[in-house]
Structures are given as structure tokens and as C-alpha cells.
Amino acid sequence: MTSPALDVALSYHHAWTGKDFEKAMTYVADDIVCHSPGGRLDGAEAFRGFMEPFTRILTGSSMLSAFGDDATALLMYDTATIPVASAPGAELLTVREGKIVELRIVFDRAPFDAARAAAAES
């Protein structure tokens, strides 16, 4: 079953996981607030600086579950990246007037830290 917020969240997700980050950004409000594991990001350009580099190392993604209502959506997915084979994540998105105005993203940074440390030792 779909809902307004879930439709936007899934369209955004399909765009960035499909390597069309510019299309993904069309779903993001200019004044988005993103709560990431590294801290709060304010505005679309700060969000772009956080998310776009991740899309460059993405090699695959599978949706595990998605729920939504009129204003919020919750996505849980698993991503594969160049340095990390399995990187599950979850996003809680708040949508207003067809744009993502707030996004809370949760993922385990430890596998990425371990991959960076292993690469530095090589």
C-alpha cells in the first residue's frame, strides 16, 4: 500500500540507488534537515555533500521494508558498496508538499571504518 510520503521516499530512494543523484535531489527540500550518524546537516548543499559521495561507491541495493503515511515514511534497506559488501541502513523521512524536509538516517559506520583502516594498512 502506498501513501504520499512513502511515494516520495521510494522515488527518492530508487533515484539515488539507481545512480541518478540529480533526480534524487529533486525530492529534497532546499532547507532539509538531515540527522546522520556524523551529526546534523542543514540545507540541500550540506546534504548533497554527505550523500552524493556515498552514491559513487554504491554497487547495489535491496529494499527490506517500507512503510508510510501522509507525512512520514520509514525505509529499511541493504546496500552493497565498493569497500563494504553489506551495509544495512534505515531512513525516517518527513515529507511536506512532495519534498523531503527532514531525514534521519541510521547505519553502522563500523564496517566502513574497518575498510578504511584495512586500506590504510595496505
C-alpha atoms as a PDB file:
ATOM      1  CA  MET A   1       0.000   0.000   0.000  1.00  0.00           C
ATOM      2  CA  THR A   2       1.323   3.438  -0.823  1.00  0.00           C
ATOM      3  CA  SER A   3       0.918   6.824   0.786  1.00  0.00           C
ATOM      4  CA  PRO A   4       2.018  10.344  -0.190  1.00  0.00           C
ATOM      5  CA  ALA A   5       5.174  10.295   1.952  1.00  0.00           C
ATOM      6  CA  LEU A   6       6.043   6.723   1.000  1.00  0.00           C
ATOM      7  CA  ASP A   7       5.700   7.531  -2.703  1.00  0.00           C
ATOM      8  CA  VAL A   8       8.187  10.400  -2.360  1.00  0.00           C
ATOM      9  CA  ALA A   9      10.550   8.359  -0.180  1.00  0.00           C
ATOM     10  CA  LEU A  10      10.578   5.439  -2.618  1.00  0.00           C
ATOM     11  CA  SER A  11      11.040   7.720  -5.640  1.00  0.00           C
ATOM     12  CA  TYR A  12      13.990   9.391  -3.894  1.00  0.00           C
ATOM     13  CA  HIS A  13      15.452   6.023  -2.881  1.00  0.00           C
ATOM     14  CA  HIS A  14      15.081   4.493  -6.358  1.00  0.00           C
ATOM     15  CA  ALA A  15      16.743   7.554  -7.901  1.00  0.00           C
ATOM     16  CA  TRP A  16      19.869   7.569  -5.699  1.00  0.00           C
ATOM     17  CA  THR A  17      20.258   3.788  -5.704  1.00  0.00           C
ATOM     18  CA  GLY A  18      19.769   3.866  -9.478  1.00  0.00           C
ATOM     19  CA  LYS A  19      22.731   6.242  -9.834  1.00  0.00           C
ATOM     20  CA  ASP A  20      20.607   9.290 -10.733  1.00  0.00           C
ATOM     21  CA  PHE A  21      21.543  11.551  -7.858  1.00  0.00           C
ATOM     22  CA  GLU A  22      20.343  14.702  -9.628  1.00  0.00           C
ATOM     23  CA  LYS A  23      16.859  13.202  -9.869  1.00  0.00           C
ATOM     24  CA  ALA A  24      17.073  12.152  -6.210  1.00  0.00           C
ATOM     25  CA  MET A  25      17.775  15.763  -5.249  1.00  0.00           C
ATOM     26  CA  THR A  26      14.521  16.885  -6.911  1.00  0.00           C
ATOM     27  CA  TYR A  27      12.726  15.228  -3.969  1.00  0.00           C
ATOM     28  CA  VAL A  28      14.827  17.095  -1.370  1.00  0.00           C
ATOM     29  CA  ALA A  29      13.713  20.442   0.058  1.00  0.00           C
ATOM     30  CA  ASP A  30      16.224  23.291  -0.053  1.00  0.00           C
ATOM     31  CA  ASP A  31      16.013  23.574   3.739  1.00  0.00           C
ATOM     32  CA  ILE A  32      16.214  19.846   4.520  1.00  0.00           C
ATOM     33  CA  VAL A  33      17.458  18.853   7.956  1.00  0.00           C
ATOM     34  CA  CYS A  34      19.381  15.581   7.891  1.00  0.00           C
ATOM     35  CA  HIS A  35      20.301  13.739  11.059  1.00  0.00           C
ATOM     36  CA  SER A  36      23.197  11.474  10.072  1.00  0.00           C
ATOM     37  CA  PRO A  37      25.462   9.280  12.203  1.00  0.00           C
ATOM     38  CA  GLY A  38      28.064  12.034  11.877  1.00  0.00           C
ATOM     39  CA  GLY A  39      25.761  14.806  13.058  1.00  0.00           C
ATOM     40  CA  ARG A  40      23.152  17.256  11.839  1.00  0.00           C
ATOM     41  CA  LEU A  41      23.286  18.665   8.323  1.00  0.00           C
ATOM     42  CA  ASP A  42      21.262  21.746   7.361  1.00  0.00           C
ATOM     43  CA  GLY A  43      20.271  22.507   3.793  1.00  0.00           C
ATOM     44  CA  ALA A  44      20.343  20.742   0.448  1.00  0.00           C
ATOM     45  CA  GLU A  45      24.002  21.507  -0.302  1.00  0.00           C
ATOM     46  CA  ALA A  46      25.209  20.073   3.020  1.00  0.00           C
ATOM     47  CA  PHE A  47      23.021  17.031   2.411  1.00  0.00           C
ATOM     48  CA  ARG A  48      24.440  16.662  -1.109  1.00  0.00           C
ATOM     49  CA  GLY A  49      27.975  16.755   0.319  1.00  0.00           C
ATOM     50  CA  PHE A  50      27.093  13.882   2.650  1.00  0.00           C
ATOM     51  CA  MET A  51      25.038  11.685   0.339  1.00  0.00           C
ATOM     52  CA  GLU A  52      26.492  12.117  -3.152  1.00  0.00           C
ATOM     53  CA  PRO A  53      29.918  10.578  -2.365  1.00  0.00           C
ATOM     54  CA  PHE A  54      28.143   7.505  -0.966  1.00  0.00           C
ATOM     55  CA  THR A  55      26.252   7.030  -4.230  1.00  0.00           C
ATOM     56  CA  ARG A  56      29.581   6.914  -6.091  1.00  0.00           C
ATOM     57  CA  ILE A  57      30.727   3.820  -4.162  1.00  0.00           C
ATOM     58  CA  LEU A  58      27.312   2.119  -4.269  1.00  0.00           C
ATOM     59  CA  THR A  59      27.252  -1.142  -6.247  1.00  0.00           C
ATOM     60  CA  GLY A  60      23.786  -2.422  -5.307  1.00  0.00           C
ATOM     61  CA  SER A  61      20.789  -2.036  -3.045  1.00  0.00           C
ATOM     62  CA  SER A  62      17.824  -4.101  -1.915  1.00  0.00           C
ATOM     63  CA  MET A  63      14.754  -2.799  -0.117  1.00  0.00           C
ATOM     64  CA  LEU A  64      13.998  -4.773   3.034  1.00  0.00           C
ATOM     65  CA  SER A  65      10.838  -2.943   4.122  1.00  0.00           C
ATOM     66  CA  ALA A  66       8.987   0.321   3.574  1.00  0.00           C
ATOM     67  CA  PHE A  67       6.070   1.947   5.394  1.00  0.00           C
ATOM     68  CA  GLY A  68       4.477   5.366   5.230  1.00  0.00           C
ATOM     69  CA  ASP A  69       1.559   7.674   5.903  1.00  0.00           C
ATOM     70  CA  ASP A  70       0.659  11.178   4.781  1.00  0.00           C
ATOM     71  CA  ALA A  71       3.721  12.858   6.283  1.00  0.00           C
ATOM     72  CA  THR A  72       6.340  10.243   7.164  1.00  0.00           C
ATOM     73  CA  ALA A  73       7.961   7.182   5.643  1.00  0.00           C
ATOM     74  CA  LEU A  74      10.322   4.591   7.024  1.00  0.00           C
ATOM     75  CA  LEU A  75      12.636   2.635   4.727  1.00  0.00           C
ATOM     76  CA  MET A  76      14.994  -0.179   5.655  1.00  0.00           C
ATOM     77  CA  TYR A  77      17.404  -1.411   3.016  1.00  0.00           C
ATOM     78  CA  ASP A  78      20.716  -3.123   2.485  1.00  0.00           C
ATOM     79  CA  THR A  79      23.377  -1.611   0.276  1.00  0.00           C
ATOM     80  CA  ALA A  80      26.498  -3.049  -1.259  1.00  0.00           C
ATOM     81  CA  THR A  81      29.432  -0.728  -1.786  1.00  0.00           C
ATOM     82  CA  ILE A  82      32.958  -0.986  -3.131  1.00  0.00           C
ATOM     83  CA  PRO A  83      34.535  -1.192   0.343  1.00  0.00           C
ATOM     84  CA  VAL A  84      31.697  -2.964   2.234  1.00  0.00           C
ATOM     85  CA  ALA A  85      29.648  -5.889   0.863  1.00  0.00           C
ATOM     86  CA  SER A  86      26.656  -5.377   3.163  1.00  0.00           C
ATOM     87  CA  ALA A  87      25.753  -2.042   4.692  1.00  0.00           C
ATOM     88  CA  PRO A  88      22.184  -2.022   6.016  1.00  0.00           C
ATOM     89  CA  GLY A  89      20.554   1.301   6.614  1.00  0.00           C
ATOM     90  CA  ALA A  90      17.275   2.857   7.658  1.00  0.00           C
ATOM     91  CA  GLU A  91      15.764   6.244   6.931  1.00  0.00           C
ATOM     92  CA  LEU A  92      12.895   8.070   8.582  1.00  0.00           C
ATOM     93  CA  LEU A  93      11.726  10.755   6.178  1.00  0.00           C
ATOM     94  CA  THR A  94       9.332  13.632   6.769  1.00  0.00           C
ATOM     95  CA  VAL A  95       7.660  14.897   3.607  1.00  0.00           C
ATOM     96  CA  ARG A  96       5.810  18.165   3.009  1.00  0.00           C
ATOM     97  CA  GLU A  97       4.365  19.260  -0.323  1.00  0.00           C
ATOM     98  CA  GLY A  98       6.185  16.473  -2.168  1.00  0.00           C
ATOM     99  CA  LYS A  99       9.645  17.271  -0.738  1.00  0.00           C
ATOM    100  CA  ILE A 100      11.745  15.623   1.943  1.00  0.00           C
ATOM    101  CA  VAL A 101      12.107  18.230   4.684  1.00  0.00           C
ATOM    102  CA  GLU A 102      13.714  16.033   7.313  1.00  0.00           C
ATOM    103  CA  LEU A 103      15.641  12.788   7.092  1.00  0.00           C
ATOM    104  CA  ARG A 104      17.010  10.708   9.924  1.00  0.00           C
ATOM    105  CA  ILE A 105      19.439   8.104   8.576  1.00  0.00           C
ATOM    106  CA  VAL A 106      20.813   5.252  10.641  1.00  0.00           C
ATOM    107  CA  PHE A 107      23.596   2.907   9.575  1.00  0.00           C
ATOM    108  CA  ASP A 108      26.530   1.135  11.145  1.00  0.00           C
ATOM    109  CA  ARG A 109      29.711   3.095  10.448  1.00  0.00           C
ATOM    110  CA  ALA A 110      31.971   0.366  11.882  1.00  0.00           C
ATOM    111  CA  PRO A 111      32.320  -1.687   8.657  1.00  0.00           C
ATOM    112  CA  PHE A 112      33.297   1.465   6.742  1.00  0.00           C
ATOM    113  CA  ASP A 113      35.821   2.432   9.426  1.00  0.00           C
ATOM    114  CA  ALA A 114      37.290  -1.096   9.291  1.00  0.00           C
ATOM    115  CA  ALA A 115      37.523  -0.981   5.493  1.00  0.00           C
ATOM    116  CA  ARG A 116      39.319   2.399   5.650  1.00  0.00           C
ATOM    117  CA  ALA A 117      41.727   1.068   8.278  1.00  0.00           C
ATOM    118  CA  ALA A 118      42.466  -2.059   6.220  1.00  0.00           C
ATOM    119  CA  ALA A 119      43.083   0.049   3.103  1.00  0.00           C
ATOM    120  CA  ALA A 120      45.449   2.321   5.038  1.00  0.00           C
ATOM    121  CA  GLU A 121      47.472  -0.713   6.197  1.00  0.00           C
ATOM    122  CA  SER A 122      47.921  -1.956   2.621  1.00  0.00           C
END
